[in-house]
PDB file of N, CA and C in Angstrom:
ATOM      1  N   MET A   1     -72.363 -12.147 -24.399  1.00  0.00           N
ATOM      2  CA  MET A   1     -72.339 -11.693 -23.027  1.00  0.00           C
ATOM      3  C   MET A   1     -71.679 -10.314 -22.933  1.00  0.00           C
ATOM      4  N   PHE A   2     -70.436 -10.195 -23.356  1.00  0.00           N
ATOM      5  CA  PHE A   2     -69.742  -8.913 -23.329  1.00  0.00           C
ATOM      6  C   PHE A   2     -69.592  -8.382 -24.749  1.00  0.00           C
ATOM      7  N   THR A   3     -70.687  -8.284 -25.437  1.00  0.00           N
ATOM      8  CA  THR A   3     -70.625  -7.840 -26.831  1.00  0.00           C
ATOM      9  C   THR A   3     -70.220  -6.379 -26.951  1.00  0.00           C
ATOM     10  N   PHE A   4     -70.430  -5.588 -25.908  1.00  0.00           N
ATOM     11  CA  PHE A   4     -70.051  -4.173 -25.969  1.00  0.00           C
ATOM     12  C   PHE A   4     -68.528  -4.005 -25.983  1.00  0.00           C
ATOM     13  N   LEU A   5     -67.770  -5.031 -25.601  1.00  0.00           N
ATOM     14  CA  LEU A   5     -66.311  -4.951 -25.605  1.00  0.00           C
ATOM     15  C   LEU A   5     -65.694  -5.371 -26.937  1.00  0.00           C
ATOM     16  N   GLN A   6     -66.444  -6.010 -27.788  1.00  0.00           N
ATOM     17  CA  GLN A   6     -65.893  -6.545 -29.025  1.00  0.00           C
ATOM     18  C   GLN A   6     -65.263  -5.495 -29.939  1.00  0.00           C
ATOM     19  N   PRO A   7     -65.832  -4.322 -30.139  1.00  0.00           N
ATOM     20  CA  PRO A   7     -65.179  -3.355 -31.033  1.00  0.00           C
ATOM     21  C   PRO A   7     -63.792  -2.947 -30.554  1.00  0.00           C
ATOM     22  N   ALA A   8     -63.558  -2.940 -29.259  1.00  0.00           N
ATOM     23  CA  ALA A   8     -62.243  -2.560 -28.743  1.00  0.00           C
ATOM     24  C   ALA A   8     -61.190  -3.590 -29.129  1.00  0.00           C
ATOM     25  N   PHE A   9     -61.572  -4.846 -29.246  1.00  0.00           N
ATOM     26  CA  PHE A   9     -60.608  -5.889 -29.581  1.00  0.00           C
ATOM     27  C   PHE A   9     -60.203  -5.856 -31.049  1.00  0.00           C
ATOM     28  N   LEU A  10     -60.937  -5.146 -31.864  1.00  0.00           N
ATOM     29  CA  LEU A  10     -60.574  -5.054 -33.273  1.00  0.00           C
ATOM     30  C   LEU A  10     -59.294  -4.255 -33.470  1.00  0.00           C
ATOM     31  N   TYR A  11     -58.954  -3.416 -32.516  1.00  0.00           N
ATOM     32  CA  TYR A  11     -57.800  -2.539 -32.668  1.00  0.00           C
ATOM     33  C   TYR A  11     -56.533  -3.099 -32.033  1.00  0.00           C
ATOM     34  N   LEU A  12     -56.576  -4.292 -31.473  1.00  0.00           N
ATOM     35  CA  LEU A  12     -55.370  -4.895 -30.919  1.00  0.00           C
ATOM     36  C   LEU A  12     -54.408  -5.214 -32.049  1.00  0.00           C
ATOM     37  N   TYR A  13     -53.139  -4.905 -31.809  1.00  0.00           N
ATOM     38  CA  TYR A  13     -52.146  -5.104 -32.851  1.00  0.00           C
ATOM     39  C   TYR A  13     -50.901  -5.703 -32.227  1.00  0.00           C
ATOM     40  N   PHE A  14     -50.529  -6.885 -32.654  1.00  0.00           N
ATOM     41  CA  PHE A  14     -49.316  -7.543 -32.198  1.00  0.00           C
ATOM     42  C   PHE A  14     -48.409  -7.711 -33.406  1.00  0.00           C
ATOM     43  N   PRO A  15     -47.383  -6.880 -33.518  1.00  0.00           N
ATOM     44  CA  PRO A  15     -46.550  -6.909 -34.721  1.00  0.00           C
ATOM     45  C   PRO A  15     -45.711  -8.182 -34.819  1.00  0.00           C
ATOM     46  N   GLU A  16     -45.489  -8.604 -36.055  1.00  0.00           N
ATOM     47  CA  GLU A  16     -44.626  -9.755 -36.303  1.00  0.00           C
ATOM     48  C   GLU A  16     -43.178  -9.391 -35.991  1.00  0.00           C
ATOM     49  N   ASP A  17     -42.794  -8.167 -36.363  1.00  0.00           N
ATOM     50  CA  ASP A  17     -41.440  -7.692 -36.109  1.00  0.00           C
ATOM     51  C   ASP A  17     -41.392  -7.127 -34.692  1.00  0.00           C
ATOM     52  N   LYS A  18     -40.750  -7.835 -33.790  1.00  0.00           N
ATOM     53  CA  LYS A  18     -40.744  -7.451 -32.373  1.00  0.00           C
ATOM     54  C   LYS A  18     -39.905  -6.209 -32.102  1.00  0.00           C
ATOM     55  N   THR A  19     -39.121  -5.739 -33.076  1.00  0.00           N
ATOM     56  CA  THR A  19     -38.345  -4.510 -32.866  1.00  0.00           C
ATOM     57  C   THR A  19     -39.259  -3.296 -32.778  1.00  0.00           C
ATOM     58  N   GLU A  20     -40.497  -3.434 -33.174  1.00  0.00           N
ATOM     59  CA  GLU A  20     -41.451  -2.332 -33.052  1.00  0.00           C
ATOM     60  C   GLU A  20     -41.806  -2.059 -31.588  1.00  0.00           C
ATOM     61  N   TYR A  21     -41.490  -2.996 -30.716  1.00  0.00           N
ATOM     62  CA  TYR A  21     -41.738  -2.801 -29.293  1.00  0.00           C
ATOM     63  C   TYR A  21     -40.687  -1.911 -28.637  1.00  0.00           C
ATOM     64  N   ILE A  22     -39.525  -1.755 -29.255  1.00  0.00           N
ATOM     65  CA  ILE A  22     -38.420  -1.005 -28.648  1.00  0.00           C
ATOM     66  C   ILE A  22     -38.812   0.431 -28.297  1.00  0.00           C
ATOM     67  N   PRO A  23     -39.403   1.213 -29.205  1.00  0.00           N
ATOM     68  CA  PRO A  23     -39.797   2.578 -28.819  1.00  0.00           C
ATOM     69  C   PRO A  23     -40.817   2.601 -27.677  1.00  0.00           C
ATOM     70  N   VAL A  24     -41.684   1.635 -27.671  1.00  0.00           N
ATOM     71  CA  VAL A  24     -42.700   1.569 -26.619  1.00  0.00           C
ATOM     72  C   VAL A  24     -42.042   1.289 -25.268  1.00  0.00           C
ATOM     73  N   VAL A  25     -41.099   0.390 -25.245  1.00  0.00           N
ATOM     74  CA  VAL A  25     -40.396   0.062 -24.003  1.00  0.00           C
ATOM     75  C   VAL A  25     -39.598   1.267 -23.526  1.00  0.00           C
ATOM     76  N   ILE A  26     -38.931   1.957 -24.445  1.00  0.00           N
ATOM     77  CA  ILE A  26     -38.164   3.151 -24.078  1.00  0.00           C
ATOM     78  C   ILE A  26     -39.091   4.213 -23.499  1.00  0.00           C
ATOM     79  N   GLU A  27     -40.211   4.446 -24.154  1.00  0.00           N
ATOM     80  CA  GLU A  27     -41.170   5.435 -23.661  1.00  0.00           C
ATOM     81  C   GLU A  27     -41.703   5.030 -22.284  1.00  0.00           C
ATOM     82  N   PHE A  28     -42.006   3.756 -22.119  1.00  0.00           N
ATOM     83  CA  PHE A  28     -42.497   3.274 -20.831  1.00  0.00           C
ATOM     84  C   PHE A  28     -41.469   3.507 -19.733  1.00  0.00           C
ATOM     85  N   LEU A  29     -40.204   3.188 -20.013  1.00  0.00           N
ATOM     86  CA  LEU A  29     -39.154   3.367 -19.007  1.00  0.00           C
ATOM     87  C   LEU A  29     -38.957   4.836 -18.659  1.00  0.00           C
ATOM     88  N   VAL A  30     -39.003   5.703 -19.662  1.00  0.00           N
ATOM     89  CA  VAL A  30     -38.862   7.138 -19.409  1.00  0.00           C
ATOM     90  C   VAL A  30     -40.005   7.627 -18.525  1.00  0.00           C
ATOM     91  N   LEU A  31     -41.218   7.239 -18.859  1.00  0.00           N
ATOM     92  CA  LEU A  31     -42.370   7.654 -18.061  1.00  0.00           C
ATOM     93  C   LEU A  31     -42.320   7.067 -16.649  1.00  0.00           C
ATOM     94  N   LEU A  32     -41.837   5.847 -16.530  1.00  0.00           N
ATOM     95  CA  LEU A  32     -41.705   5.229 -15.213  1.00  0.00           C
ATOM     96  C   LEU A  32     -40.714   6.004 -14.353  1.00  0.00           C
ATOM     97  N   VAL A  33     -39.582   6.378 -14.929  1.00  0.00           N
ATOM     98  CA  VAL A  33     -38.578   7.144 -14.187  1.00  0.00           C
ATOM     99  C   VAL A  33     -39.142   8.502 -13.787  1.00  0.00           C
ATOM    100  N   ILE A  34     -39.851   9.156 -14.706  1.00  0.00           N
ATOM    101  CA  ILE A  34     -40.464  10.452 -14.391  1.00  0.00           C
ATOM    102  C   ILE A  34     -41.466  10.297 -13.245  1.00  0.00           C
ATOM    103  N   CYS A  35     -42.282   9.254 -13.301  1.00  0.00           N
ATOM    104  CA  CYS A  35     -43.266   9.017 -12.237  1.00  0.00           C
ATOM    105  C   CYS A  35     -42.584   8.789 -10.892  1.00  0.00           C
ATOM    106  N   ILE A  36     -41.490   8.052 -10.892  1.00  0.00           N
ATOM    107  CA  ILE A  36     -40.767   7.798  -9.646  1.00  0.00           C
ATOM    108  C   ILE A  36     -40.223   9.100  -9.078  1.00  0.00           C
ATOM    109  N   PHE A  37     -39.610   9.930  -9.944  1.00  0.00           N
ATOM    110  CA  PHE A  37     -39.074  11.204  -9.467  1.00  0.00           C
ATOM    111  C   PHE A  37     -40.176  12.126  -8.947  1.00  0.00           C
ATOM    112  N   VAL A  38     -41.284  12.175  -9.645  1.00  0.00           N
ATOM    113  CA  VAL A  38     -42.391  13.030  -9.200  1.00  0.00           C
ATOM    114  C   VAL A  38     -42.945  12.527  -7.873  1.00  0.00           C
ATOM    115  N   PHE A  39     -43.088  11.230  -7.724  1.00  0.00           N
ATOM    116  CA  PHE A  39     -43.582  10.667  -6.466  1.00  0.00           C
ATOM    117  C   PHE A  39     -42.642  11.008  -5.316  1.00  0.00           C
ATOM    118  N   ARG A  40     -41.338  10.850  -5.545  1.00  0.00           N
ATOM    119  CA  ARG A  40     -40.367  11.172  -4.492  1.00  0.00           C
ATOM    120  C   ARG A  40     -40.399  12.659  -4.162  1.00  0.00           C
ATOM    121  N   TRP A  41     -40.563  13.501  -5.198  1.00  0.00           N
ATOM    122  CA  TRP A  41     -40.629  14.945  -4.975  1.00  0.00           C
ATOM    123  C   TRP A  41     -41.850  15.295  -4.131  1.00  0.00           C
ATOM    124  N   PHE A  42     -43.012  14.704  -4.464  1.00  0.00           N
ATOM    125  CA  PHE A  42     -44.225  14.938  -3.669  1.00  0.00           C
ATOM    126  C   PHE A  42     -44.016  14.501  -2.222  1.00  0.00           C
ATOM    127  N   LYS A  43     -43.382  13.361  -2.039  1.00  0.00           N
ATOM    128  CA  LYS A  43     -43.170  12.843  -0.695  1.00  0.00           C
ATOM    129  C   LYS A  43     -42.262  13.770   0.118  1.00  0.00           C
ATOM    130  N   LYS A  44     -41.173  14.231  -0.493  1.00  0.00           N
ATOM    131  CA  LYS A  44     -40.261  15.141   0.207  1.00  0.00           C
ATOM    132  C   LYS A  44     -40.936  16.473   0.497  1.00  0.00           C
ATOM    133  N   LYS A  45     -41.666  17.001  -0.490  1.00  0.00           N
ATOM    134  CA  LYS A  45     -42.357  18.278  -0.309  1.00  0.00           C
ATOM    135  C   LYS A  45     -43.400  18.157   0.789  1.00  0.00           C
ATOM    136  N   SER A  46     -44.103  17.052   0.811  1.00  0.00           N
ATOM    137  CA  SER A  46     -45.112  16.833   1.843  1.00  0.00           C
ATOM    138  C   SER A  46     -44.473  16.792   3.227  1.00  0.00           C
ATOM    139  N   ALA A  47     -43.335  16.143   3.343  1.00  0.00           N
ATOM    140  CA  ALA A  47     -42.646  16.078   4.638  1.00  0.00           C
ATOM    141  C   ALA A  47     -42.192  17.467   5.071  1.00  0.00           C
ATOM    142  N   ARG A  48     -41.670  18.259   4.123  1.00  0.00           N
ATOM    143  CA  ARG A  48     -41.244  19.625   4.458  1.00  0.00           C
ATOM    144  C   ARG A  48     -42.436  20.476   4.876  1.00  0.00           C
ATOM    145  N   ASP A  49     -43.532  20.359   4.145  1.00  0.00           N
ATOM    146  CA  ASP A  49     -44.728  21.135   4.483  1.00  0.00           C
ATOM    147  C   ASP A  49     -45.297  20.715   5.838  1.00  0.00           C
ATOM    148  N   ALA A  50     -45.247  19.431   6.135  1.00  0.00           N
ATOM    149  CA  ALA A  50     -45.728  18.958   7.435  1.00  0.00           C
ATOM    150  C   ALA A  50     -44.865  19.521   8.558  1.00  0.00           C
ATOM    151  N   GLU A  51     -43.564  19.575   8.339  1.00  0.00           N
ATOM    152  CA  GLU A  51     -42.668  20.137   9.355  1.00  0.00           C
ATOM    153  C   GLU A  51     -42.947  21.625   9.551  1.00  0.00           C
ATOM    154  N   LYS A  52     -43.160  22.354   8.446  1.00  0.00           N
ATOM    155  CA  LYS A  52     -43.491  23.783   8.548  1.00  0.00           C
ATOM    156  C   LYS A  52     -44.801  23.978   9.304  1.00  0.00           C
ATOM    157  N   ALA A  53     -45.789  23.131   9.003  1.00  0.00           N
ATOM    158  CA  ALA A  53     -47.082  23.233   9.681  1.00  0.00           C
ATOM    159  C   ALA A  53     -46.937  22.940  11.172  1.00  0.00           C
ATOM    160  N   LYS A  54     -46.087  21.986  11.511  1.00  0.00           N
ATOM    161  CA  LYS A  54     -45.869  21.647  12.920  1.00  0.00           C
ATOM    162  C   LYS A  54     -45.231  22.819  13.659  1.00  0.00           C
ATOM    163  N   VAL A  55     -44.234  23.444  13.038  1.00  0.00           N
ATOM    164  CA  VAL A  55     -43.576  24.601  13.655  1.00  0.00           C
ATOM    165  C   VAL A  55     -44.570  25.742  13.825  1.00  0.00           C
ATOM    166  N   LEU A  56     -45.373  25.990  12.799  1.00  0.00           N
ATOM    167  CA  LEU A  56     -46.375  27.052  12.865  1.00  0.00           C
ATOM    168  C   LEU A  56     -47.402  26.763  13.958  1.00  0.00           C
ATOM    169  N   GLU A  57     -47.833  25.513  14.048  1.00  0.00           N
ATOM    170  CA  GLU A  57     -48.798  25.135  15.080  1.00  0.00           C
ATOM    171  C   GLU A  57     -48.215  25.352  16.477  1.00  0.00           C
ATOM    172  N   GLU A  58     -46.962  24.956  16.674  1.00  0.00           N
ATOM    173  CA  GLU A  58     -46.324  25.153  17.976  1.00  0.00           C
ATOM    174  C   GLU A  58     -46.212  26.635  18.307  1.00  0.00           C
ATOM    175  N   LYS A  59     -45.890  27.448  17.315  1.00  0.00           N
ATOM    176  CA  LYS A  59     -45.776  28.896  17.519  1.00  0.00           C
ATOM    177  C   LYS A  59     -47.127  29.492  17.927  1.00  0.00           C
ATOM    178  N   ILE A  60     -48.183  29.091  17.233  1.00  0.00           N
ATOM    179  CA  ILE A  60     -49.525  29.600  17.529  1.00  0.00           C
ATOM    180  C   ILE A  60     -49.969  29.150  18.921  1.00  0.00           C
ATOM    181  N   MET A  61     -49.712  27.888  19.251  1.00  0.00           N
ATOM    182  CA  MET A  61     -50.105  27.392  20.576  1.00  0.00           C
ATOM    183  C   MET A  61     -49.342  28.123  21.678  1.00  0.00           C
ATOM    184  N   LYS A  62     -48.084  28.422  21.454  1.00  0.00           N
ATOM    185  CA  LYS A  62     -47.291  29.159  22.437  1.00  0.00           C
ATOM    186  C   LYS A  62     -47.848  30.567  22.623  1.00  0.00           C
ATOM    187  N   MET A  63     -48.206  31.222  21.508  1.00  0.00           N
ATOM    188  CA  MET A  63     -48.777  32.570  21.589  1.00  0.00           C
ATOM    189  C   MET A  63     -50.105  32.545  22.330  1.00  0.00           C
ATOM    190  N   ARG A  64     -50.939  31.546  22.067  1.00  0.00           N
ATOM    191  CA  ARG A  64     -52.231  31.433  22.758  1.00  0.00           C
ATOM    192  C   ARG A  64     -52.034  31.218  24.251  1.00  0.00           C
ATOM    193  N   LYS A  65     -51.074  30.372  24.571  1.00  0.00           N
ATOM    194  CA  LYS A  65     -50.808  30.092  25.978  1.00  0.00           C
ATOM    195  C   LYS A  65     -50.351  31.356  26.696  1.00  0.00           C
ATOM    196  N   GLU A  66     -49.451  32.113  26.059  1.00  0.00           N
ATOM    197  CA  GLU A  66     -48.992  33.373  26.653  1.00  0.00           C
ATOM    198  C   GLU A  66     -50.143  34.361  26.799  1.00  0.00           C
ATOM    199  N   GLU A  67     -51.008  34.406  25.802  1.00  0.00           N
ATOM    200  CA  GLU A  67     -52.161  35.307  25.839  1.00  0.00           C
ATOM    201  C   GLU A  67     -53.104  34.928  26.980  1.00  0.00           C
ATOM    202  N   LEU A  68     -53.351  33.642  27.146  1.00  0.00           N
ATOM    203  CA  LEU A  68     -54.224  33.184  28.232  1.00  0.00           C
ATOM    204  C   LEU A  68     -53.601  33.472  29.594  1.00  0.00           C
ATOM    205  N   GLU A  69     -52.299  33.317  29.700  1.00  0.00           N
ATOM    206  CA  GLU A  69     -51.620  33.614  30.965  1.00  0.00           C
ATOM    207  C   GLU A  69     -51.709  35.103  31.292  1.00  0.00           C
ATOM    208  N   LYS A  70     -51.594  35.950  30.278  1.00  0.00           N
ATOM    209  CA  LYS A  70     -51.726  37.397  30.488  1.00  0.00           C
ATOM    210  C   LYS A  70     -53.124  37.736  30.984  1.00  0.00           C
ATOM    211  N   GLN A  71     -54.124  37.136  30.341  1.00  0.00           N
ATOM    212  CA  GLN A  71     -55.507  37.428  30.713  1.00  0.00           C
ATOM    213  C   GLN A  71     -55.821  36.914  32.116  1.00  0.00           C
ATOM    214  N   SER A  72     -55.287  35.777  32.471  1.00  0.00           N
ATOM    215  CA  SER A  72     -55.581  35.221  33.797  1.00  0.00           C
ATOM    216  C   SER A  72     -54.834  35.967  34.904  1.00  0.00           C
ATOM    217  N   SER A  73     -53.707  36.579  34.583  1.00  0.00           N
ATOM    218  CA  SER A  73     -52.954  37.316  35.603  1.00  0.00           C
ATOM    219  C   SER A  73     -53.532  38.711  35.840  1.00  0.00           C
ATOM    220  N   GLN A  74     -54.342  39.207  34.953  1.00  0.00           N
ATOM    221  CA  GLN A  74     -54.913  40.556  35.110  1.00  0.00           C
ATOM    222  C   GLN A  74     -56.120  40.555  35.965  1.00  0.00           C
TER     223      GLN A  74
END
């Protein structure tokens, strides 16, 4: 049925000596911590950029409103 998956299973390796898992666990934890920090950095940066965009939008809308008021008063 799933014969196309069989060659991939030939490369599975489960060591008898479980201490061989230690470097893998350390690497996994390091990468997990890096991923968490990067995710938090993206989230904070996104919030800062959203705030900047909101301020810019308010500034532009205020300028447009003033411009329209000038045109309507003339």
